[in-house]
Amino acid sequence: MTGNQVLGAKAVPEDGKPEHRLPYTPLGLEALKSTKPGNGTRSALPTEANDPVYSCDPQGFPRADLHELRTTQVLQTPQSIFILYQFNRVWRVIWTDGRELPKDPEPRWFGYSVGKWVDDSTLVVETVGTDERTWLDRAGRPHSADLRVEERFHRADRDHLELTVTIDDPKMYTKPWVALDKFALELQPSSFDVREMICSPSEFEQYNSLIGHTASGSH
């Protein structure tokens, strides 16, 4: 499934290719060194990886778009739009009532989002105030409190949405970069049943006792 993005954001996976090298600032490179993902060219052994999701911390945003983007439900009201993610059964709110983004937001796992329609088929969403403890993606790309994320939801036709995600964090990156580029979302029947996919600490512990620690040479 293309939404898994196990090597990092789909448009720029951490696969060692020069064209996928991100424009890090010196601070961004230092922050990158502190992350030890379980996949990609910088992958660490299971017992050394420090991906916060492994301890069942929330993915947060924008990682909810850039890792395990599975079945996604969208609910719309006159004031807001709710995005419901299958992974960990979490949701976020996009305000569409004309309010401004907060000037000095208190950090949240999923930040603060406001959206506006720029034409009949395109919604542009801006998000700020994300928690620095989260990673941008599975590859351990970092972000600061100054991160600003733009999502562009474009309805290509009746049954398809295209999602483009742009990262703008001047502390960590010298210029904005596109993490998802017209990622296709296909409409499912209204009767479609969304399965549970929840982080369970007890299941992680069982996995590590049977596979994870053994694979790394530790018991």
N, C-alpha and C. Protein backbone atom coordinates (compact mmCIF):
# COMPACT_ATOMS: atom_id res chain seq x y z
N MET A 1 0.85 -1.19 0.00
CA MET A 1 0.00 0.00 0.00
C MET A 1 0.88 1.24 0.00
N THR A 2 0.62 2.17 -0.94
CA THR A 2 1.50 3.32 -1.08
C THR A 2 1.43 4.27 0.11
N GLY A 3 0.36 4.22 0.88
CA GLY A 3 0.23 5.11 2.04
C GLY A 3 1.09 4.71 3.21
N ASN A 4 1.69 3.51 3.19
CA ASN A 4 2.54 3.09 4.31
C ASN A 4 3.76 3.98 4.45
N GLN A 5 4.42 4.32 3.34
CA GLN A 5 5.54 5.25 3.33
C GLN A 5 6.62 4.85 4.36
N VAL A 6 7.03 3.60 4.31
CA VAL A 6 7.95 3.07 5.32
C VAL A 6 9.35 3.66 5.20
N LEU A 7 9.70 4.24 4.06
CA LEU A 7 11.01 4.87 3.90
C LEU A 7 10.93 6.38 4.05
N GLY A 8 9.83 6.87 4.56
CA GLY A 8 9.64 8.30 4.69
C GLY A 8 8.62 8.81 3.70
N ALA A 9 8.39 10.12 3.73
CA ALA A 9 7.39 10.75 2.88
C ALA A 9 7.50 10.27 1.44
N LYS A 10 6.37 9.92 0.87
CA LYS A 10 6.35 9.24 -0.43
C LYS A 10 7.06 10.01 -1.53
N ALA A 11 6.92 11.32 -1.57
CA ALA A 11 7.52 12.10 -2.65
C ALA A 11 9.04 12.20 -2.52
N VAL A 12 9.56 12.04 -1.29
CA VAL A 12 11.01 12.13 -1.05
C VAL A 12 11.44 11.07 -0.03
N PRO A 13 11.34 9.80 -0.37
CA PRO A 13 11.73 8.75 0.58
C PRO A 13 13.22 8.78 0.87
N GLU A 14 13.59 8.29 2.04
CA GLU A 14 15.01 8.21 2.38
C GLU A 14 15.56 6.90 1.82
N ASP A 15 15.93 6.95 0.55
CA ASP A 15 16.40 5.76 -0.16
C ASP A 15 17.82 5.91 -0.69
N GLY A 16 18.48 7.01 -0.30
CA GLY A 16 19.86 7.20 -0.71
C GLY A 16 20.03 7.89 -2.05
N LYS A 17 18.95 8.14 -2.77
CA LYS A 17 19.06 8.79 -4.07
C LYS A 17 19.33 10.28 -3.89
N PRO A 18 20.27 10.84 -4.65
CA PRO A 18 20.61 12.26 -4.51
C PRO A 18 19.41 13.19 -4.67
N GLU A 19 18.50 12.85 -5.57
CA GLU A 19 17.36 13.72 -5.80
C GLU A 19 16.38 13.75 -4.63
N HIS A 20 16.55 12.84 -3.68
CA HIS A 20 15.68 12.81 -2.51
C HIS A 20 16.36 13.37 -1.26
N ARG A 21 17.52 13.97 -1.43
CA ARG A 21 18.22 14.59 -0.31
C ARG A 21 17.54 15.90 0.04
N LEU A 22 17.12 16.06 1.27
CA LEU A 22 16.38 17.25 1.67
C LEU A 22 17.32 18.43 1.95
N PRO A 23 16.81 19.67 1.82
CA PRO A 23 17.64 20.86 2.02
C PRO A 23 17.76 21.24 3.50
N TYR A 24 18.50 20.45 4.26
CA TYR A 24 18.63 20.70 5.70
C TYR A 24 19.46 21.95 5.99
N THR A 25 19.09 22.64 7.05
CA THR A 25 19.95 23.66 7.63
C THR A 25 20.94 22.95 8.55
N PRO A 26 21.99 23.62 9.03
CA PRO A 26 22.89 22.98 10.00
C PRO A 26 22.14 22.48 11.24
N LEU A 27 21.18 23.26 11.72
CA LEU A 27 20.39 22.81 12.87
C LEU A 27 19.56 21.58 12.50
N GLY A 28 19.03 21.56 11.28
CA GLY A 28 18.25 20.41 10.84
C GLY A 28 19.08 19.15 10.78
N LEU A 29 20.32 19.27 10.32
CA LEU A 29 21.21 18.11 10.26
C LEU A 29 21.52 17.59 11.65
N GLU A 30 21.74 18.48 12.60
CA GLU A 30 21.99 18.05 13.97
C GLU A 30 20.78 17.35 14.56
N ALA A 31 19.60 17.89 14.29
CA ALA A 31 18.38 17.26 14.79
C ALA A 31 18.17 15.89 14.14
N LEU A 32 18.52 15.78 12.88
CA LEU A 32 18.38 14.50 12.17
C LEU A 32 19.24 13.42 12.82
N LYS A 33 20.43 13.79 13.26
CA LYS A 33 21.34 12.81 13.86
C LYS A 33 20.78 12.19 15.14
N SER A 34 19.88 12.89 15.80
CA SER A 34 19.33 12.39 17.05
C SER A 34 18.22 11.37 16.85
N THR A 35 17.72 11.26 15.62
CA THR A 35 16.64 10.31 15.35
C THR A 35 17.22 9.01 14.80
N LYS A 36 16.67 7.90 15.28
CA LYS A 36 17.14 6.58 14.86
C LYS A 36 15.95 5.76 14.40
N PRO A 37 15.60 5.88 13.13
CA PRO A 37 14.43 5.16 12.61
C PRO A 37 14.70 3.68 12.45
N GLY A 38 13.62 2.92 12.32
CA GLY A 38 13.75 1.49 12.12
C GLY A 38 13.81 1.08 10.67
N ASN A 39 13.67 2.05 9.74
CA ASN A 39 13.71 1.77 8.31
C ASN A 39 14.56 2.80 7.60
N GLY A 40 14.87 2.53 6.34
CA GLY A 40 15.59 3.49 5.53
C GLY A 40 17.10 3.32 5.61
N THR A 41 17.81 4.23 4.94
CA THR A 41 19.27 4.12 4.89
C THR A 41 19.92 4.39 6.23
N ARG A 42 19.20 5.00 7.18
CA ARG A 42 19.76 5.26 8.50
C ARG A 42 19.19 4.30 9.55
N SER A 43 18.62 3.18 9.13
CA SER A 43 17.91 2.30 10.06
C SER A 43 18.81 1.78 11.17
N ALA A 44 18.23 1.73 12.37
CA ALA A 44 18.93 1.23 13.55
C ALA A 44 18.36 -0.13 13.93
N LEU A 45 19.09 -0.86 14.77
CA LEU A 45 18.59 -2.12 15.29
C LEU A 45 17.34 -1.87 16.12
N PRO A 46 16.46 -2.86 16.23
CA PRO A 46 15.21 -2.66 16.97
C PRO A 46 15.40 -2.11 18.38
N THR A 47 16.43 -2.57 19.08
CA THR A 47 16.65 -2.10 20.45
C THR A 47 17.27 -0.72 20.52
N GLU A 48 17.75 -0.20 19.39
CA GLU A 48 18.39 1.12 19.38
C GLU A 48 17.50 2.18 18.74
N ALA A 49 16.52 1.77 17.97
CA ALA A 49 15.63 2.73 17.32
C ALA A 49 14.87 3.54 18.38
N ASN A 50 14.69 4.83 18.11
CA ASN A 50 13.99 5.69 19.08
C ASN A 50 12.76 6.37 18.48
N ASP A 51 12.15 5.71 17.52
CA ASP A 51 10.92 6.22 16.94
C ASP A 51 9.86 6.34 18.04
N PRO A 52 9.32 7.53 18.30
CA PRO A 52 8.34 7.67 19.39
C PRO A 52 7.08 6.84 19.20
N VAL A 53 6.76 6.50 17.95
CA VAL A 53 5.58 5.68 17.70
C VAL A 53 5.76 4.27 18.27
N TYR A 54 7.03 3.82 18.38
CA TYR A 54 7.28 2.48 18.93
C TYR A 54 6.83 2.37 20.38
N SER A 55 6.79 3.48 21.10
CA SER A 55 6.32 3.46 22.48
C SER A 55 4.87 3.93 22.58
N CYS A 56 4.19 3.95 21.43
CA CYS A 56 2.78 4.31 21.32
C CYS A 56 2.49 5.78 21.59
N ASP A 57 3.49 6.66 21.43
CA ASP A 57 3.19 8.08 21.39
C ASP A 57 2.38 8.36 20.12
N PRO A 58 1.57 9.41 20.13
CA PRO A 58 0.81 9.74 18.92
C PRO A 58 1.74 10.06 17.76
N GLN A 59 1.33 9.67 16.55
CA GLN A 59 2.09 10.07 15.37
C GLN A 59 2.16 11.58 15.25
N GLY A 60 1.05 12.23 15.58
CA GLY A 60 0.97 13.66 15.40
C GLY A 60 0.84 14.03 13.94
N PHE A 61 0.98 15.32 13.69
CA PHE A 61 0.84 15.86 12.34
C PHE A 61 2.09 16.62 11.97
N PRO A 62 2.59 16.49 10.74
CA PRO A 62 1.97 15.90 9.54
C PRO A 62 2.23 14.41 9.34
N ARG A 63 2.85 13.75 10.33
CA ARG A 63 3.16 12.34 10.12
C ARG A 63 1.91 11.51 9.85
N ALA A 64 0.76 11.95 10.35
CA ALA A 64 -0.48 11.22 10.06
C ALA A 64 -0.73 11.13 8.55
N ASP A 65 -0.23 12.12 7.81
CA ASP A 65 -0.34 12.09 6.34
C ASP A 65 0.84 11.35 5.70
N LEU A 66 1.97 11.28 6.41
CA LEU A 66 3.22 10.84 5.80
C LEU A 66 3.68 9.47 6.27
N HIS A 67 2.85 8.79 7.04
CA HIS A 67 3.15 7.41 7.46
C HIS A 67 1.85 6.72 7.81
N GLU A 68 1.65 5.53 7.30
CA GLU A 68 0.43 4.75 7.56
C GLU A 68 -0.84 5.53 7.20
N LEU A 69 -0.81 6.19 6.06
CA LEU A 69 -2.02 6.87 5.58
C LEU A 69 -2.90 5.83 4.91
N ARG A 70 -3.76 5.26 5.70
CA ARG A 70 -4.63 4.18 5.24
C ARG A 70 -6.03 4.73 4.99
N THR A 71 -7.05 3.92 5.26
CA THR A 71 -8.41 4.39 5.04
C THR A 71 -8.66 5.66 5.86
N THR A 72 -9.14 6.68 5.20
CA THR A 72 -9.35 7.98 5.83
C THR A 72 -10.78 8.43 5.58
N GLN A 73 -11.44 8.84 6.65
CA GLN A 73 -12.82 9.31 6.53
C GLN A 73 -12.84 10.83 6.69
N VAL A 74 -13.70 11.47 5.94
CA VAL A 74 -13.81 12.93 5.97
C VAL A 74 -15.26 13.30 6.27
N LEU A 75 -15.46 14.06 7.33
CA LEU A 75 -16.79 14.52 7.72
C LEU A 75 -16.81 16.04 7.68
N GLN A 76 -17.83 16.62 7.07
CA GLN A 76 -17.89 18.07 6.89
C GLN A 76 -19.12 18.65 7.58
N THR A 77 -18.91 19.75 8.31
CA THR A 77 -19.99 20.52 8.92
C THR A 77 -19.89 21.96 8.39
N PRO A 78 -20.85 22.81 8.70
CA PRO A 78 -20.76 24.20 8.23
C PRO A 78 -19.54 24.96 8.78
N GLN A 79 -19.02 24.55 9.93
CA GLN A 79 -17.91 25.27 10.56
C GLN A 79 -16.56 24.58 10.42
N SER A 80 -16.54 23.28 10.13
CA SER A 80 -15.28 22.56 10.18
C SER A 80 -15.34 21.28 9.36
N ILE A 81 -14.16 20.71 9.20
CA ILE A 81 -14.02 19.41 8.55
C ILE A 81 -13.23 18.51 9.48
N PHE A 82 -13.71 17.30 9.67
CA PHE A 82 -13.04 16.31 10.51
C PHE A 82 -12.34 15.28 9.62
N ILE A 83 -11.07 15.04 9.91
CA ILE A 83 -10.32 13.99 9.23
C ILE A 83 -10.13 12.85 10.22
N LEU A 84 -10.64 11.68 9.90
CA LEU A 84 -10.54 10.51 10.77
C LEU A 84 -9.57 9.52 10.14
N TYR A 85 -8.49 9.22 10.87
CA TYR A 85 -7.44 8.33 10.36
C TYR A 85 -7.63 6.93 10.94
N GLN A 86 -7.41 5.93 10.09
CA GLN A 86 -7.52 4.55 10.56
C GLN A 86 -6.42 4.22 11.56
N PHE A 87 -5.18 4.65 11.28
CA PHE A 87 -4.05 4.31 12.15
C PHE A 87 -4.24 4.98 13.51
N ASN A 88 -4.39 4.17 14.54
CA ASN A 88 -4.61 4.61 15.92
C ASN A 88 -5.97 5.26 16.15
N ARG A 89 -6.84 5.22 15.15
CA ARG A 89 -8.22 5.72 15.31
C ARG A 89 -8.24 7.12 15.92
N VAL A 90 -7.53 8.04 15.30
CA VAL A 90 -7.48 9.42 15.77
C VAL A 90 -8.11 10.34 14.73
N TRP A 91 -8.42 11.55 15.15
CA TRP A 91 -9.02 12.51 14.24
C TRP A 91 -8.41 13.89 14.48
N ARG A 92 -8.58 14.76 13.51
CA ARG A 92 -8.20 16.14 13.66
C ARG A 92 -9.28 17.03 13.08
N VAL A 93 -9.28 18.29 13.50
CA VAL A 93 -10.30 19.25 13.08
C VAL A 93 -9.65 20.33 12.23
N ILE A 94 -10.25 20.61 11.10
CA ILE A 94 -9.85 21.72 10.24
C ILE A 94 -10.98 22.75 10.29
N TRP A 95 -10.69 23.92 10.83
CA TRP A 95 -11.72 24.95 10.93
C TRP A 95 -11.88 25.67 9.60
N THR A 96 -13.11 25.79 9.14
CA THR A 96 -13.41 26.44 7.86
C THR A 96 -14.38 27.60 8.04
N ASP A 97 -14.42 28.16 9.26
CA ASP A 97 -15.37 29.23 9.57
C ASP A 97 -14.76 30.62 9.45
N GLY A 98 -13.57 30.70 8.85
CA GLY A 98 -12.96 32.01 8.61
C GLY A 98 -12.00 32.46 9.69
N ARG A 99 -11.82 31.70 10.75
CA ARG A 99 -10.90 32.10 11.82
C ARG A 99 -9.47 32.09 11.34
N GLU A 100 -8.61 32.85 12.05
CA GLU A 100 -7.19 32.90 11.74
C GLU A 100 -6.44 31.85 12.55
N LEU A 101 -5.26 31.50 12.08
CA LEU A 101 -4.39 30.62 12.87
C LEU A 101 -3.93 31.37 14.12
N PRO A 102 -3.73 30.68 15.24
CA PRO A 102 -3.24 31.36 16.45
C PRO A 102 -1.84 31.90 16.24
N LYS A 103 -1.55 33.06 16.84
CA LYS A 103 -0.25 33.70 16.68
C LYS A 103 0.84 33.02 17.50
N ASP A 104 0.49 32.56 18.70
CA ASP A 104 1.46 31.92 19.58
C ASP A 104 0.84 30.65 20.16
N PRO A 105 0.67 29.63 19.34
CA PRO A 105 -0.08 28.45 19.78
C PRO A 105 0.66 27.60 20.80
N GLU A 106 -0.09 27.05 21.72
CA GLU A 106 0.45 26.03 22.61
C GLU A 106 0.59 24.74 21.80
N PRO A 107 1.74 24.08 21.86
CA PRO A 107 1.95 22.91 21.00
C PRO A 107 0.91 21.81 21.23
N ARG A 108 0.48 21.21 20.14
CA ARG A 108 -0.42 20.07 20.17
C ARG A 108 0.13 18.99 19.26
N TRP A 109 -0.23 17.76 19.56
CA TRP A 109 0.23 16.64 18.73
C TRP A 109 -0.16 16.86 17.27
N PHE A 110 -1.39 17.34 17.04
CA PHE A 110 -1.88 17.50 15.68
C PHE A 110 -2.02 18.97 15.27
N GLY A 111 -1.48 19.87 16.08
CA GLY A 111 -1.45 21.27 15.72
C GLY A 111 -2.83 21.92 15.61
N TYR A 112 -2.85 23.08 14.98
CA TYR A 112 -4.06 23.85 14.74
C TYR A 112 -4.22 24.03 13.23
N SER A 113 -5.38 23.71 12.71
CA SER A 113 -5.57 23.74 11.26
C SER A 113 -6.75 24.62 10.88
N VAL A 114 -6.55 25.45 9.86
CA VAL A 114 -7.65 26.21 9.26
C VAL A 114 -7.61 25.97 7.76
N GLY A 115 -8.78 25.96 7.15
CA GLY A 115 -8.85 25.70 5.72
C GLY A 115 -9.76 26.67 5.00
N LYS A 116 -9.52 26.83 3.72
CA LYS A 116 -10.39 27.66 2.90
C LYS A 116 -10.47 27.07 1.50
N TRP A 117 -11.61 27.25 0.87
CA TRP A 117 -11.81 26.77 -0.50
C TRP A 117 -11.27 27.83 -1.44
N VAL A 118 -10.34 27.44 -2.31
CA VAL A 118 -9.78 28.38 -3.28
C VAL A 118 -10.49 28.28 -4.62
N ASP A 119 -11.21 27.19 -4.83
CA ASP A 119 -12.13 27.06 -5.96
C ASP A 119 -13.13 25.96 -5.59
N ASP A 120 -14.00 25.59 -6.51
CA ASP A 120 -15.08 24.65 -6.20
C ASP A 120 -14.59 23.25 -5.86
N SER A 121 -13.35 22.92 -6.21
CA SER A 121 -12.87 21.55 -6.00
C SER A 121 -11.55 21.48 -5.24
N THR A 122 -11.10 22.59 -4.64
CA THR A 122 -9.80 22.59 -3.98
C THR A 122 -9.88 23.26 -2.61
N LEU A 123 -9.51 22.52 -1.58
CA LEU A 123 -9.43 23.02 -0.21
C LEU A 123 -7.96 23.12 0.18
N VAL A 124 -7.55 24.30 0.64
CA VAL A 124 -6.17 24.49 1.10
C VAL A 124 -6.19 24.66 2.61
N VAL A 125 -5.37 23.85 3.29
CA VAL A 125 -5.34 23.82 4.75
C VAL A 125 -3.95 24.22 5.23
N GLU A 126 -3.90 25.12 6.22
CA GLU A 126 -2.64 25.52 6.85
C GLU A 126 -2.65 25.03 8.29
N THR A 127 -1.52 24.46 8.73
CA THR A 127 -1.42 23.93 10.09
C THR A 127 -0.15 24.45 10.75
N VAL A 128 -0.29 24.92 12.00
CA VAL A 128 0.84 25.37 12.81
C VAL A 128 0.69 24.78 14.21
N GLY A 129 1.69 25.05 15.07
CA GLY A 129 1.57 24.66 16.48
C GLY A 129 1.73 23.19 16.75
N THR A 130 2.55 22.49 15.94
CA THR A 130 2.74 21.05 16.16
C THR A 130 3.81 20.80 17.21
N ASP A 131 3.69 19.68 17.89
CA ASP A 131 4.59 19.30 18.98
C ASP A 131 5.94 18.84 18.43
N GLU A 132 7.03 19.41 18.92
CA GLU A 132 8.36 19.09 18.42
C GLU A 132 8.79 17.66 18.71
N ARG A 133 8.10 16.99 19.62
CA ARG A 133 8.48 15.60 19.93
C ARG A 133 8.17 14.65 18.78
N THR A 134 7.29 15.06 17.88
CA THR A 134 6.92 14.18 16.78
C THR A 134 7.94 14.26 15.65
N TRP A 135 8.00 13.21 14.85
CA TRP A 135 8.80 13.19 13.62
C TRP A 135 7.89 13.54 12.46
N LEU A 136 8.48 14.05 11.39
CA LEU A 136 7.68 14.32 10.20
C LEU A 136 7.21 13.04 9.55
N ASP A 137 8.06 12.00 9.59
CA ASP A 137 7.75 10.77 8.87
C ASP A 137 8.50 9.61 9.49
N ARG A 138 8.37 8.44 8.90
CA ARG A 138 9.00 7.22 9.41
C ARG A 138 10.53 7.29 9.33
N ALA A 139 11.06 8.12 8.44
CA ALA A 139 12.51 8.23 8.27
C ALA A 139 13.16 9.09 9.33
N GLY A 140 12.39 9.69 10.22
CA GLY A 140 12.96 10.48 11.31
C GLY A 140 13.30 11.90 10.94
N ARG A 141 12.69 12.42 9.86
CA ARG A 141 12.94 13.82 9.52
C ARG A 141 12.40 14.71 10.65
N PRO A 142 13.19 15.69 11.10
CA PRO A 142 12.79 16.52 12.25
C PRO A 142 11.99 17.75 11.83
N HIS A 143 11.40 18.39 12.82
CA HIS A 143 10.78 19.69 12.61
C HIS A 143 10.89 20.51 13.89
N SER A 144 10.71 21.80 13.77
CA SER A 144 10.75 22.70 14.91
C SER A 144 9.35 23.20 15.22
N ALA A 145 9.25 24.05 16.24
CA ALA A 145 7.96 24.63 16.59
C ALA A 145 7.49 25.62 15.53
N ASP A 146 8.39 26.02 14.64
CA ASP A 146 8.03 26.97 13.58
C ASP A 146 7.45 26.29 12.34
N LEU A 147 7.30 24.98 12.38
CA LEU A 147 6.79 24.25 11.23
C LEU A 147 5.43 24.80 10.78
N ARG A 148 5.31 24.93 9.48
CA ARG A 148 4.03 25.29 8.87
C ARG A 148 3.78 24.29 7.74
N VAL A 149 2.63 23.66 7.77
CA VAL A 149 2.29 22.63 6.79
C VAL A 149 1.11 23.10 5.95
N GLU A 150 1.25 22.94 4.64
CA GLU A 150 0.13 23.21 3.74
C GLU A 150 -0.35 21.90 3.14
N GLU A 151 -1.64 21.65 3.26
CA GLU A 151 -2.28 20.53 2.58
C GLU A 151 -3.21 21.09 1.49
N ARG A 152 -3.16 20.46 0.35
CA ARG A 152 -4.05 20.86 -0.75
C ARG A 152 -4.87 19.63 -1.14
N PHE A 153 -6.15 19.66 -0.82
CA PHE A 153 -7.08 18.59 -1.18
C PHE A 153 -7.80 19.01 -2.46
N HIS A 154 -7.55 18.29 -3.54
CA HIS A 154 -8.18 18.63 -4.81
C HIS A 154 -9.03 17.46 -5.29
N ARG A 155 -10.28 17.74 -5.57
CA ARG A 155 -11.17 16.70 -6.07
C ARG A 155 -11.01 16.60 -7.57
N ALA A 156 -10.29 15.58 -8.01
CA ALA A 156 -9.99 15.41 -9.43
C ALA A 156 -11.23 15.01 -10.23
N ASP A 157 -12.05 14.16 -9.62
CA ASP A 157 -13.33 13.77 -10.21
C ASP A 157 -14.20 13.23 -9.09
N ARG A 158 -15.34 12.68 -9.43
CA ARG A 158 -16.29 12.25 -8.40
C ARG A 158 -15.68 11.30 -7.38
N ASP A 159 -14.84 10.38 -7.81
CA ASP A 159 -14.37 9.31 -6.94
C ASP A 159 -12.92 9.47 -6.48
N HIS A 160 -12.27 10.58 -6.81
CA HIS A 160 -10.85 10.70 -6.47
C HIS A 160 -10.50 12.08 -5.91
N LEU A 161 -9.76 12.04 -4.79
CA LEU A 161 -9.13 13.23 -4.23
C LEU A 161 -7.63 13.12 -4.45
N GLU A 162 -6.98 14.27 -4.63
CA GLU A 162 -5.52 14.34 -4.70
C GLU A 162 -5.03 15.18 -3.54
N LEU A 163 -4.10 14.62 -2.75
CA LEU A 163 -3.58 15.31 -1.57
C LEU A 163 -2.12 15.67 -1.80
N THR A 164 -1.82 16.96 -1.69
CA THR A 164 -0.43 17.45 -1.77
C THR A 164 -0.07 18.10 -0.44
N VAL A 165 1.08 17.71 0.11
CA VAL A 165 1.53 18.21 1.41
C VAL A 165 2.88 18.89 1.24
N THR A 166 2.97 20.14 1.67
CA THR A 166 4.21 20.91 1.58
C THR A 166 4.71 21.28 2.97
N ILE A 167 6.00 21.05 3.22
CA ILE A 167 6.63 21.31 4.51
C ILE A 167 7.40 22.63 4.41
N ASP A 168 7.17 23.51 5.39
CA ASP A 168 7.89 24.79 5.45
C ASP A 168 8.35 25.01 6.88
N ASP A 169 9.64 24.80 7.12
CA ASP A 169 10.21 24.95 8.46
C ASP A 169 11.61 25.56 8.30
N PRO A 170 11.72 26.90 8.34
CA PRO A 170 13.00 27.55 8.05
C PRO A 170 14.10 27.24 9.05
N LYS A 171 13.77 26.75 10.23
CA LYS A 171 14.81 26.37 11.18
C LYS A 171 15.49 25.07 10.78
N MET A 172 14.74 24.17 10.16
CA MET A 172 15.26 22.85 9.84
C MET A 172 15.61 22.67 8.36
N TYR A 173 14.97 23.46 7.48
CA TYR A 173 15.16 23.29 6.04
C TYR A 173 15.34 24.66 5.38
N THR A 174 16.22 24.73 4.41
CA THR A 174 16.53 26.01 3.78
C THR A 174 15.44 26.50 2.84
N LYS A 175 14.53 25.62 2.48
CA LYS A 175 13.41 26.00 1.61
C LYS A 175 12.27 25.01 1.80
N PRO A 176 11.05 25.39 1.46
CA PRO A 176 9.93 24.44 1.55
C PRO A 176 10.14 23.26 0.60
N TRP A 177 9.55 22.11 0.94
CA TRP A 177 9.65 20.93 0.08
C TRP A 177 8.34 20.15 0.11
N VAL A 178 8.06 19.48 -0.99
CA VAL A 178 6.81 18.74 -1.15
C VAL A 178 7.00 17.31 -0.66
N ALA A 179 6.22 16.91 0.34
CA ALA A 179 6.32 15.58 0.93
C ALA A 179 5.36 14.58 0.27
N LEU A 180 4.19 15.04 -0.13
CA LEU A 180 3.24 14.25 -0.92
C LEU A 180 2.87 15.07 -2.13
N ASP A 181 2.82 14.44 -3.28
CA ASP A 181 2.54 15.15 -4.52
C ASP A 181 1.34 14.51 -5.22
N LYS A 182 0.19 15.10 -5.03
CA LYS A 182 -1.05 14.61 -5.64
C LYS A 182 -1.29 13.14 -5.32
N PHE A 183 -1.16 12.81 -4.04
CA PHE A 183 -1.41 11.45 -3.58
C PHE A 183 -2.89 11.13 -3.77
N ALA A 184 -3.17 10.01 -4.42
CA ALA A 184 -4.54 9.68 -4.81
C ALA A 184 -5.30 9.00 -3.69
N LEU A 185 -6.50 9.50 -3.41
CA LEU A 185 -7.43 8.89 -2.47
C LEU A 185 -8.69 8.53 -3.24
N GLU A 186 -9.11 7.28 -3.14
CA GLU A 186 -10.24 6.79 -3.94
C GLU A 186 -11.47 6.59 -3.06
N LEU A 187 -12.59 7.10 -3.49
CA LEU A 187 -13.84 6.98 -2.74
C LEU A 187 -14.26 5.53 -2.61
N GLN A 188 -14.65 5.14 -1.38
CA GLN A 188 -15.14 3.80 -1.12
C GLN A 188 -16.65 3.83 -0.91
N PRO A 189 -17.32 2.69 -1.02
CA PRO A 189 -18.76 2.65 -0.79
C PRO A 189 -19.10 3.10 0.64
N SER A 190 -20.29 3.64 0.82
CA SER A 190 -20.71 4.11 2.14
C SER A 190 -20.77 2.98 3.15
N SER A 191 -20.87 1.74 2.68
CA SER A 191 -20.94 0.58 3.57
C SER A 191 -19.56 0.04 3.94
N PHE A 192 -18.50 0.67 3.46
CA PHE A 192 -17.14 0.19 3.70
C PHE A 192 -16.83 0.18 5.18
N ASP A 193 -16.35 -0.97 5.69
CA ASP A 193 -16.05 -1.13 7.12
C ASP A 193 -14.56 -0.87 7.36
N VAL A 194 -14.26 0.12 8.19
CA VAL A 194 -12.87 0.48 8.49
C VAL A 194 -12.39 -0.35 9.68
N ARG A 195 -11.37 -1.17 9.44
CA ARG A 195 -10.86 -2.03 10.50
C ARG A 195 -10.08 -1.24 11.53
N GLU A 196 -9.98 -1.80 12.74
CA GLU A 196 -9.17 -1.17 13.79
C GLU A 196 -7.68 -1.34 13.48
N MET A 197 -6.92 -0.31 13.83
CA MET A 197 -5.47 -0.38 13.74
C MET A 197 -4.93 0.50 14.86
N ILE A 198 -4.68 -0.11 16.01
CA ILE A 198 -4.40 0.64 17.24
C ILE A 198 -3.05 0.21 17.82
N CYS A 199 -2.27 1.20 18.27
CA CYS A 199 -1.00 0.91 18.93
C CYS A 199 -1.28 0.33 20.31
N SER A 200 -0.77 -0.87 20.57
CA SER A 200 -0.99 -1.55 21.84
C SER A 200 0.36 -1.82 22.50
N PRO A 201 0.67 -1.18 23.65
CA PRO A 201 1.95 -1.43 24.31
C PRO A 201 2.19 -2.91 24.60
N SER A 202 1.14 -3.64 24.99
CA SER A 202 1.33 -5.05 25.31
C SER A 202 1.69 -5.85 24.05
N GLU A 203 1.13 -5.47 22.90
CA GLU A 203 1.47 -6.17 21.66
C GLU A 203 2.89 -5.83 21.22
N PHE A 204 3.32 -4.59 21.43
CA PHE A 204 4.70 -4.22 21.12
C PHE A 204 5.67 -5.02 21.98
N GLU A 205 5.33 -5.16 23.27
CA GLU A 205 6.19 -5.92 24.18
C GLU A 205 6.29 -7.38 23.74
N GLN A 206 5.17 -7.95 23.33
CA GLN A 206 5.17 -9.33 22.86
C GLN A 206 5.99 -9.47 21.59
N TYR A 207 5.86 -8.51 20.67
CA TYR A 207 6.63 -8.54 19.42
C TYR A 207 8.12 -8.51 19.73
N ASN A 208 8.54 -7.60 20.60
CA ASN A 208 9.97 -7.47 20.91
C ASN A 208 10.51 -8.71 21.60
N SER A 209 9.69 -9.35 22.42
CA SER A 209 10.16 -10.54 23.12
C SER A 209 10.33 -11.71 22.17
N LEU A 210 9.54 -11.75 21.10
CA LEU A 210 9.59 -12.86 20.15
C LEU A 210 10.49 -12.59 18.94
N ILE A 211 10.52 -11.32 18.51
CA ILE A 211 11.19 -11.00 17.24
C ILE A 211 12.20 -9.86 17.38
N GLY A 212 11.73 -8.73 17.91
CA GLY A 212 12.55 -7.51 17.88
C GLY A 212 13.87 -7.65 18.61
N HIS A 213 13.86 -8.02 19.88
CA HIS A 213 15.10 -8.13 20.64
C HIS A 213 15.97 -9.25 20.15
N THR A 214 15.33 -10.34 19.75
CA THR A 214 16.10 -11.49 19.24
C THR A 214 16.87 -11.11 17.97
N ALA A 215 16.20 -10.34 17.09
CA ALA A 215 16.84 -9.96 15.84
C ALA A 215 18.05 -9.08 16.06
N SER A 216 18.06 -8.34 17.17
CA SER A 216 19.18 -7.43 17.43
C SER A 216 20.26 -8.07 18.29
N GLY A 217 20.06 -9.34 18.66
CA GLY A 217 21.06 -10.03 19.46
C GLY A 217 20.88 -9.82 20.94
N SER A 218 19.74 -9.25 21.35
CA SER A 218 19.50 -8.98 22.76
C SER A 218 18.30 -9.80 23.21
N HIS A 219 18.29 -10.23 24.46
CA HIS A 219 17.19 -11.07 24.98
C HIS A 219 16.66 -10.47 26.28
